[in-house]
Amino acid sequence: MAKTLCKYRRAEIADQFATISKIVSEPNYMCASCTRVASDKDYLCKPSRLTSAVKAAPRRVAKLAVPPAPQPTAITAPNIHNLPAPTAVGQSHIEMVSVIAEEALEPDSLKLKQAKKLKKLAKKKNKQLKKAAKTVKKFEKQLKKAKKALGL
C-alpha cells in the first residue's frame, strides 16, 4: 500500500517532491478528512471520488501583468512662496478650524476621561479586595477546623 499524503513529514515532502507532484497533478480523489487531492485513492486516508464537474472545470493559470517600470523624474520641493495667499473666506475657515481644535482639547473632556479610568481602576481594586477578603475568611475557617481537630 502506498504511503498516504497525510503521513509525509516536511523533510520527506522536500525529498519526494517529484513523486508528490505526480500524485497531485491530475486529481481524481479528495480526502474527506484533510481535503488533500491525489490521482489514486491509495494516497489518501479517507478518499472520496471527485465529481466530473470539478474535474471538467478548466484550469486557469493566473498571469501576472508586470507594470512598466516608472521613469525616474526629478522631484522638486514645492515652493511655498509661490502659493497664493488665502482669501478672506479661506482665512475665516482656518480660524474656525483652529478654534474647534482648541475646544476639542478642553480640560473638561480630559478630566472626564481620567475620571472614567479612575472609576474603572477603583472598581477593579474593590473586586480584588473582596476576593482577598473571601480568601482570608476561607483560611480562617480552615485554621479554626485544624485547631479544633488538634484540640488547641
N, C-alpha and C. Protein backbone atom coordinates (compact mmCIF):
# COMPACT_ATOMS: atom_id res chain seq x y z
N MET A 1 0.84 -1.18 0.00
CA MET A 1 0.00 0.00 0.00
C MET A 1 0.89 1.25 0.00
N ALA A 2 0.51 2.23 -0.76
CA ALA A 2 1.27 3.46 -0.87
C ALA A 2 1.10 4.30 0.39
N LYS A 3 2.09 5.13 0.66
CA LYS A 3 2.04 5.99 1.83
C LYS A 3 1.05 7.13 1.55
N THR A 4 0.18 7.43 2.52
CA THR A 4 -0.80 8.50 2.31
C THR A 4 -0.12 9.85 2.40
N LEU A 5 -0.70 10.83 1.74
CA LEU A 5 -0.13 12.18 1.74
C LEU A 5 -0.12 12.78 3.14
N CYS A 6 -1.07 12.37 3.96
CA CYS A 6 -1.16 12.89 5.32
C CYS A 6 0.06 12.48 6.16
N LYS A 7 0.66 11.36 5.82
CA LYS A 7 1.76 10.82 6.62
C LYS A 7 3.12 11.43 6.29
N TYR A 8 3.22 12.15 5.19
CA TYR A 8 4.50 12.74 4.81
C TYR A 8 4.88 13.85 5.78
N ARG A 9 6.14 13.85 6.19
CA ARG A 9 6.68 14.93 7.00
C ARG A 9 7.28 15.98 6.08
N ARG A 10 7.56 17.15 6.60
CA ARG A 10 8.08 18.24 5.78
C ARG A 10 9.38 17.86 5.07
N ALA A 11 10.25 17.21 5.77
CA ALA A 11 11.53 16.83 5.16
C ALA A 11 11.30 15.83 4.04
N GLU A 12 10.36 14.91 4.22
CA GLU A 12 10.06 13.93 3.17
C GLU A 12 9.41 14.60 1.97
N ILE A 13 8.60 15.61 2.21
CA ILE A 13 7.97 16.32 1.10
C ILE A 13 9.04 16.96 0.22
N ALA A 14 10.02 17.56 0.84
CA ALA A 14 11.10 18.18 0.07
C ALA A 14 11.89 17.12 -0.71
N ASP A 15 12.14 15.98 -0.08
CA ASP A 15 12.91 14.92 -0.74
C ASP A 15 12.12 14.25 -1.86
N GLN A 16 10.83 14.05 -1.67
CA GLN A 16 9.99 13.33 -2.62
C GLN A 16 9.14 14.27 -3.47
N PHE A 17 9.62 15.46 -3.75
CA PHE A 17 8.82 16.46 -4.44
C PHE A 17 8.34 15.99 -5.82
N ALA A 18 9.19 15.33 -6.57
CA ALA A 18 8.80 14.86 -7.91
C ALA A 18 7.68 13.83 -7.82
N THR A 19 7.79 12.90 -6.89
CA THR A 19 6.77 11.87 -6.72
C THR A 19 5.45 12.49 -6.30
N ILE A 20 5.51 13.39 -5.35
CA ILE A 20 4.29 14.03 -4.84
C ILE A 20 3.64 14.87 -5.93
N SER A 21 4.44 15.55 -6.74
CA SER A 21 3.85 16.36 -7.80
C SER A 21 3.13 15.49 -8.83
N LYS A 22 3.63 14.26 -9.08
CA LYS A 22 2.92 13.33 -9.98
C LYS A 22 1.59 12.90 -9.35
N ILE A 23 1.62 12.66 -8.04
CA ILE A 23 0.43 12.18 -7.34
C ILE A 23 -0.69 13.23 -7.39
N VAL A 24 -0.35 14.49 -7.24
CA VAL A 24 -1.38 15.52 -7.13
C VAL A 24 -1.64 16.27 -8.43
N SER A 25 -0.90 15.96 -9.51
CA SER A 25 -1.03 16.73 -10.75
C SER A 25 -2.40 16.57 -11.40
N GLU A 26 -2.94 15.36 -11.44
CA GLU A 26 -4.27 15.14 -12.02
C GLU A 26 -5.15 14.47 -10.98
N PRO A 27 -5.79 15.25 -10.12
CA PRO A 27 -6.54 14.66 -9.01
C PRO A 27 -7.84 14.00 -9.46
N ASN A 28 -8.06 12.79 -8.96
CA ASN A 28 -9.31 12.07 -9.17
C ASN A 28 -10.04 11.85 -7.85
N TYR A 29 -9.30 11.92 -6.74
CA TYR A 29 -9.86 11.67 -5.41
C TYR A 29 -9.48 12.82 -4.48
N MET A 30 -10.35 13.02 -3.49
CA MET A 30 -10.10 14.02 -2.47
C MET A 30 -10.31 13.38 -1.11
N CYS A 31 -9.46 13.69 -0.14
CA CYS A 31 -9.60 13.16 1.21
C CYS A 31 -10.75 13.90 1.91
N ALA A 32 -11.68 13.16 2.47
CA ALA A 32 -12.81 13.76 3.16
C ALA A 32 -12.40 14.35 4.50
N SER A 33 -11.26 13.94 5.02
CA SER A 33 -10.80 14.42 6.31
C SER A 33 -9.91 15.65 6.20
N CYS A 34 -8.88 15.56 5.37
CA CYS A 34 -7.89 16.64 5.31
C CYS A 34 -7.94 17.44 4.02
N THR A 35 -8.82 17.12 3.09
CA THR A 35 -9.04 17.79 1.81
C THR A 35 -7.83 17.81 0.89
N ARG A 36 -6.94 16.86 1.04
CA ARG A 36 -5.85 16.73 0.07
C ARG A 36 -6.38 15.99 -1.15
N VAL A 37 -5.74 16.18 -2.30
CA VAL A 37 -6.18 15.52 -3.51
C VAL A 37 -5.05 14.65 -4.07
N ALA A 38 -5.46 13.59 -4.78
CA ALA A 38 -4.47 12.68 -5.37
C ALA A 38 -5.08 12.01 -6.59
N SER A 39 -4.20 11.43 -7.41
CA SER A 39 -4.67 10.73 -8.61
C SER A 39 -5.18 9.33 -8.27
N ASP A 40 -4.71 8.76 -7.16
CA ASP A 40 -5.10 7.40 -6.77
C ASP A 40 -5.61 7.44 -5.34
N LYS A 41 -6.64 6.65 -5.04
CA LYS A 41 -7.24 6.68 -3.70
C LYS A 41 -6.34 6.09 -2.63
N ASP A 42 -5.31 5.33 -3.04
CA ASP A 42 -4.39 4.73 -2.07
C ASP A 42 -3.53 5.78 -1.37
N TYR A 43 -3.43 6.96 -1.94
CA TYR A 43 -2.60 8.01 -1.36
C TYR A 43 -3.34 8.86 -0.34
N LEU A 44 -4.63 8.59 -0.08
CA LEU A 44 -5.43 9.40 0.83
C LEU A 44 -5.96 8.57 1.99
N CYS A 45 -6.16 9.20 3.14
CA CYS A 45 -6.63 8.47 4.32
C CYS A 45 -8.13 8.17 4.25
N LYS A 46 -8.95 9.12 3.76
CA LYS A 46 -10.40 8.89 3.60
C LYS A 46 -10.80 9.38 2.21
N PRO A 47 -10.52 8.57 1.17
CA PRO A 47 -10.74 9.05 -0.20
C PRO A 47 -12.22 9.11 -0.57
N SER A 48 -12.54 10.12 -1.38
CA SER A 48 -13.86 10.21 -1.99
C SER A 48 -13.64 10.71 -3.42
N ARG A 49 -14.40 10.15 -4.34
CA ARG A 49 -14.22 10.43 -5.77
C ARG A 49 -14.64 11.87 -6.06
N LEU A 50 -13.83 12.57 -6.84
CA LEU A 50 -14.18 13.92 -7.26
C LEU A 50 -15.25 13.84 -8.32
N THR A 51 -16.16 14.76 -8.33
CA THR A 51 -17.24 14.76 -9.32
C THR A 51 -16.68 15.22 -10.67
N SER A 52 -17.40 14.90 -11.72
CA SER A 52 -16.93 15.24 -13.06
C SER A 52 -16.96 16.75 -13.28
N ALA A 53 -17.85 17.47 -12.58
CA ALA A 53 -17.92 18.92 -12.74
C ALA A 53 -16.64 19.59 -12.24
N VAL A 54 -16.09 19.04 -11.16
CA VAL A 54 -14.87 19.61 -10.62
C VAL A 54 -13.70 19.32 -11.55
N LYS A 55 -13.63 18.10 -12.07
CA LYS A 55 -12.53 17.73 -12.95
C LYS A 55 -12.65 18.42 -14.30
N ALA A 56 -13.88 18.66 -14.77
CA ALA A 56 -14.07 19.24 -16.08
C ALA A 56 -13.79 20.74 -16.10
N ALA A 57 -13.77 21.35 -14.94
CA ALA A 57 -13.51 22.79 -14.89
C ALA A 57 -12.11 23.06 -15.43
N PRO A 58 -11.99 24.00 -16.33
CA PRO A 58 -10.67 24.27 -16.90
C PRO A 58 -9.75 24.90 -15.86
N ARG A 59 -8.51 24.53 -15.93
CA ARG A 59 -7.53 25.10 -15.02
C ARG A 59 -7.15 26.47 -15.54
N ARG A 60 -7.22 27.40 -14.66
CA ARG A 60 -6.86 28.76 -15.04
C ARG A 60 -5.56 29.11 -14.33
N VAL A 61 -4.62 29.50 -15.10
CA VAL A 61 -3.34 29.92 -14.55
C VAL A 61 -3.34 31.44 -14.54
N ALA A 62 -3.13 31.96 -13.39
CA ALA A 62 -3.13 33.42 -13.28
C ALA A 62 -1.86 33.97 -13.91
N LYS A 63 -2.05 34.87 -14.83
CA LYS A 63 -0.91 35.53 -15.45
C LYS A 63 -0.77 36.89 -14.82
N LEU A 64 0.39 37.13 -14.30
CA LEU A 64 0.63 38.40 -13.64
C LEU A 64 1.11 39.41 -14.67
N ALA A 65 0.43 40.50 -14.72
CA ALA A 65 0.84 41.57 -15.62
C ALA A 65 1.86 42.43 -14.89
N VAL A 66 3.02 42.54 -15.47
CA VAL A 66 4.07 43.34 -14.87
C VAL A 66 3.93 44.76 -15.41
N PRO A 67 3.69 45.71 -14.51
CA PRO A 67 3.56 47.08 -14.98
C PRO A 67 4.91 47.60 -15.46
N PRO A 68 4.90 48.52 -16.41
CA PRO A 68 6.17 49.06 -16.89
C PRO A 68 6.87 49.81 -15.77
N ALA A 69 8.18 49.77 -15.82
CA ALA A 69 8.97 50.42 -14.78
C ALA A 69 8.75 51.92 -14.87
N PRO A 70 8.53 52.57 -13.73
CA PRO A 70 8.30 54.01 -13.76
C PRO A 70 9.58 54.74 -14.17
N GLN A 71 9.40 55.77 -14.98
CA GLN A 71 10.53 56.56 -15.43
C GLN A 71 10.95 57.49 -14.31
N PRO A 72 12.23 57.56 -14.03
CA PRO A 72 12.68 58.46 -12.96
C PRO A 72 12.44 59.91 -13.36
N THR A 73 11.85 60.64 -12.45
CA THR A 73 11.60 62.05 -12.70
C THR A 73 12.26 62.86 -11.61
N ALA A 74 12.58 64.04 -11.92
CA ALA A 74 13.20 64.92 -10.94
C ALA A 74 12.12 65.44 -10.01
N ILE A 75 12.29 65.19 -8.75
CA ILE A 75 11.32 65.64 -7.76
C ILE A 75 11.82 66.94 -7.17
N THR A 76 10.98 67.93 -7.27
CA THR A 76 11.36 69.23 -6.73
C THR A 76 10.45 69.55 -5.57
N ALA A 77 10.99 70.16 -4.58
CA ALA A 77 10.20 70.55 -3.41
C ALA A 77 9.30 71.72 -3.79
N PRO A 78 8.04 71.70 -3.32
CA PRO A 78 7.15 72.81 -3.67
C PRO A 78 7.64 74.10 -3.02
N ASN A 79 7.53 75.15 -3.76
CA ASN A 79 7.96 76.44 -3.26
C ASN A 79 6.76 77.10 -2.58
N ILE A 80 6.86 77.29 -1.29
CA ILE A 80 5.76 77.84 -0.51
C ILE A 80 5.52 79.30 -0.86
N HIS A 81 6.57 79.99 -1.24
CA HIS A 81 6.44 81.42 -1.54
C HIS A 81 5.61 81.66 -2.80
N ASN A 82 5.51 80.68 -3.68
CA ASN A 82 4.76 80.84 -4.92
C ASN A 82 3.27 80.54 -4.75
N LEU A 83 2.86 80.01 -3.59
CA LEU A 83 1.45 79.69 -3.37
C LEU A 83 0.65 80.97 -3.15
N PRO A 84 -0.60 81.01 -3.62
CA PRO A 84 -1.41 82.22 -3.43
C PRO A 84 -1.82 82.37 -1.98
N ALA A 85 -2.01 83.57 -1.55
CA ALA A 85 -2.45 83.86 -0.18
C ALA A 85 -3.91 83.45 -0.04
N PRO A 86 -4.34 82.96 1.14
CA PRO A 86 -5.74 82.57 1.30
C PRO A 86 -6.66 83.78 1.23
N THR A 87 -7.84 83.54 0.70
CA THR A 87 -8.83 84.61 0.62
C THR A 87 -9.40 84.88 2.00
N ALA A 88 -10.25 85.88 2.11
CA ALA A 88 -10.86 86.23 3.40
C ALA A 88 -11.72 85.09 3.92
N VAL A 89 -12.46 84.44 3.01
CA VAL A 89 -13.30 83.30 3.41
C VAL A 89 -12.41 82.14 3.86
N GLY A 90 -11.35 81.88 3.12
CA GLY A 90 -10.42 80.81 3.49
C GLY A 90 -9.76 81.07 4.82
N GLN A 91 -9.40 82.35 5.05
CA GLN A 91 -8.77 82.71 6.33
C GLN A 91 -9.74 82.49 7.48
N SER A 92 -11.04 82.80 7.28
CA SER A 92 -12.02 82.60 8.34
C SER A 92 -12.20 81.11 8.63
N HIS A 93 -12.15 80.28 7.57
CA HIS A 93 -12.24 78.83 7.77
C HIS A 93 -11.06 78.31 8.57
N ILE A 94 -9.87 78.83 8.28
CA ILE A 94 -8.67 78.42 9.02
C ILE A 94 -8.81 78.78 10.48
N GLU A 95 -9.33 79.97 10.76
CA GLU A 95 -9.51 80.41 12.15
C GLU A 95 -10.55 79.55 12.86
N MET A 96 -11.65 79.18 12.14
CA MET A 96 -12.69 78.34 12.74
C MET A 96 -12.13 76.97 13.09
N VAL A 97 -11.31 76.42 12.21
CA VAL A 97 -10.71 75.11 12.47
C VAL A 97 -9.81 75.16 13.69
N SER A 98 -9.04 76.23 13.83
CA SER A 98 -8.15 76.33 14.99
C SER A 98 -8.95 76.47 16.28
N VAL A 99 -10.09 77.21 16.24
CA VAL A 99 -10.94 77.35 17.43
C VAL A 99 -11.56 76.00 17.80
N ILE A 100 -12.03 75.25 16.80
CA ILE A 100 -12.63 73.94 17.05
C ILE A 100 -11.58 72.98 17.62
N ALA A 101 -10.36 73.05 17.11
CA ALA A 101 -9.29 72.19 17.60
C ALA A 101 -8.99 72.50 19.07
N GLU A 102 -9.01 73.78 19.42
CA GLU A 102 -8.76 74.17 20.81
C GLU A 102 -9.89 73.67 21.72
N GLU A 103 -11.14 73.76 21.24
CA GLU A 103 -12.28 73.31 22.04
C GLU A 103 -12.27 71.81 22.24
N ALA A 104 -11.73 71.09 21.25
CA ALA A 104 -11.69 69.63 21.36
C ALA A 104 -10.76 69.18 22.47
N LEU A 105 -9.77 69.99 22.79
CA LEU A 105 -8.81 69.61 23.82
C LEU A 105 -9.08 70.31 25.14
N GLU A 106 -10.33 70.62 25.41
CA GLU A 106 -10.68 71.26 26.67
C GLU A 106 -10.35 70.35 27.83
N PRO A 107 -10.01 70.94 28.96
CA PRO A 107 -9.69 70.15 30.15
C PRO A 107 -10.87 69.32 30.64
N ASP A 108 -12.11 69.77 30.40
CA ASP A 108 -13.27 69.02 30.87
C ASP A 108 -13.31 67.62 30.25
N SER A 109 -13.02 67.54 28.95
CA SER A 109 -13.04 66.23 28.30
C SER A 109 -11.91 65.34 28.82
N LEU A 110 -10.75 65.96 29.09
CA LEU A 110 -9.64 65.20 29.65
C LEU A 110 -9.97 64.72 31.06
N LYS A 111 -10.60 65.59 31.83
CA LYS A 111 -10.98 65.22 33.19
C LYS A 111 -11.99 64.10 33.17
N LEU A 112 -12.91 64.14 32.21
CA LEU A 112 -13.93 63.10 32.10
C LEU A 112 -13.29 61.75 31.78
N LYS A 113 -12.33 61.76 30.86
CA LYS A 113 -11.63 60.52 30.52
C LYS A 113 -10.86 59.98 31.71
N GLN A 114 -10.18 60.87 32.42
CA GLN A 114 -9.44 60.45 33.60
C GLN A 114 -10.38 59.91 34.68
N ALA A 115 -11.52 60.55 34.83
CA ALA A 115 -12.49 60.10 35.84
C ALA A 115 -12.99 58.70 35.51
N LYS A 116 -13.24 58.45 34.21
CA LYS A 116 -13.70 57.11 33.80
C LYS A 116 -12.62 56.07 34.10
N LYS A 117 -11.37 56.41 33.78
CA LYS A 117 -10.28 55.47 34.04
C LYS A 117 -10.13 55.20 35.53
N LEU A 118 -10.21 56.26 36.33
CA LEU A 118 -10.09 56.09 37.78
C LEU A 118 -11.24 55.26 38.34
N LYS A 119 -12.45 55.48 37.82
CA LYS A 119 -13.61 54.71 38.28
C LYS A 119 -13.41 53.24 37.95
N LYS A 120 -12.90 52.97 36.76
CA LYS A 120 -12.65 51.58 36.35
C LYS A 120 -11.59 50.94 37.25
N LEU A 121 -10.52 51.67 37.53
CA LEU A 121 -9.47 51.15 38.41
C LEU A 121 -10.00 50.91 39.82
N ALA A 122 -10.85 51.83 40.32
CA ALA A 122 -11.41 51.67 41.67
C ALA A 122 -12.30 50.43 41.73
N LYS A 123 -13.07 50.21 40.67
CA LYS A 123 -13.94 49.03 40.62
C LYS A 123 -13.09 47.75 40.63
N LYS A 124 -12.02 47.77 39.88
CA LYS A 124 -11.14 46.60 39.81
C LYS A 124 -10.49 46.36 41.18
N LYS A 125 -10.04 47.41 41.82
CA LYS A 125 -9.40 47.29 43.13
C LYS A 125 -10.39 46.77 44.16
N ASN A 126 -11.64 47.25 44.11
CA ASN A 126 -12.68 46.79 45.04
C ASN A 126 -12.93 45.30 44.85
N LYS A 127 -12.96 44.87 43.59
CA LYS A 127 -13.17 43.45 43.30
C LYS A 127 -12.02 42.61 43.86
N GLN A 128 -10.79 43.11 43.70
CA GLN A 128 -9.64 42.38 44.24
C GLN A 128 -9.69 42.31 45.76
N LEU A 129 -10.12 43.40 46.40
CA LEU A 129 -10.22 43.40 47.87
C LEU A 129 -11.28 42.41 48.36
N LYS A 130 -12.41 42.35 47.65
CA LYS A 130 -13.45 41.38 48.02
C LYS A 130 -12.93 39.97 47.89
N LYS A 131 -12.20 39.71 46.83
CA LYS A 131 -11.64 38.37 46.61
C LYS A 131 -10.64 38.02 47.70
N ALA A 132 -9.81 38.99 48.07
CA ALA A 132 -8.83 38.75 49.14
C ALA A 132 -9.53 38.50 50.47
N ALA A 133 -10.60 39.27 50.75
CA ALA A 133 -11.35 39.08 52.00
C ALA A 133 -11.98 37.69 52.04
N LYS A 134 -12.48 37.24 50.91
CA LYS A 134 -13.08 35.90 50.83
C LYS A 134 -12.02 34.83 51.09
N THR A 135 -10.84 35.03 50.54
CA THR A 135 -9.75 34.07 50.74
C THR A 135 -9.33 34.03 52.21
N VAL A 136 -9.24 35.20 52.84
CA VAL A 136 -8.88 35.27 54.25
C VAL A 136 -9.92 34.56 55.09
N LYS A 137 -11.19 34.77 54.77
CA LYS A 137 -12.28 34.13 55.51
C LYS A 137 -12.19 32.61 55.40
N LYS A 138 -11.90 32.11 54.18
CA LYS A 138 -11.75 30.66 53.98
C LYS A 138 -10.57 30.12 54.78
N PHE A 139 -9.46 30.90 54.78
CA PHE A 139 -8.28 30.48 55.52
C PHE A 139 -8.57 30.39 57.01
N GLU A 140 -9.25 31.41 57.54
CA GLU A 140 -9.58 31.41 58.97
C GLU A 140 -10.48 30.24 59.32
N LYS A 141 -11.41 29.91 58.44
CA LYS A 141 -12.31 28.78 58.67
C LYS A 141 -11.51 27.48 58.71
N GLN A 142 -10.58 27.29 57.77
CA GLN A 142 -9.76 26.08 57.76
C GLN A 142 -8.86 26.03 58.99
N LEU A 143 -8.33 27.16 59.41
CA LEU A 143 -7.48 27.22 60.59
C LEU A 143 -8.26 26.84 61.84
N LYS A 144 -9.48 27.32 61.91
CA LYS A 144 -10.34 27.01 63.06
C LYS A 144 -10.62 25.50 63.11
N LYS A 145 -10.87 24.88 61.91
CA LYS A 145 -11.11 23.44 61.87
C LYS A 145 -9.87 22.68 62.28
N ALA A 146 -8.71 23.14 61.82
CA ALA A 146 -7.46 22.46 62.16
C ALA A 146 -7.18 22.54 63.65
N LYS A 147 -7.42 23.69 64.26
CA LYS A 147 -7.21 23.85 65.70
C LYS A 147 -8.16 22.95 66.49
N LYS A 148 -9.41 22.86 66.02
CA LYS A 148 -10.39 22.03 66.67
C LYS A 148 -9.99 20.57 66.60
N ALA A 149 -9.47 20.15 65.43
CA ALA A 149 -9.05 18.76 65.25
C ALA A 149 -7.85 18.43 66.12
N LEU A 150 -6.95 19.38 66.33
CA LEU A 150 -5.75 19.15 67.13
C LEU A 150 -6.03 19.35 68.63
N GLY A 151 -7.17 19.93 68.95
CA GLY A 151 -7.54 20.15 70.33
C GLY A 151 -6.87 21.37 70.92
N LEU A 152 -6.56 22.34 70.13
CA LEU A 152 -5.92 23.56 70.61
C LEU A 152 -6.90 24.63 70.94
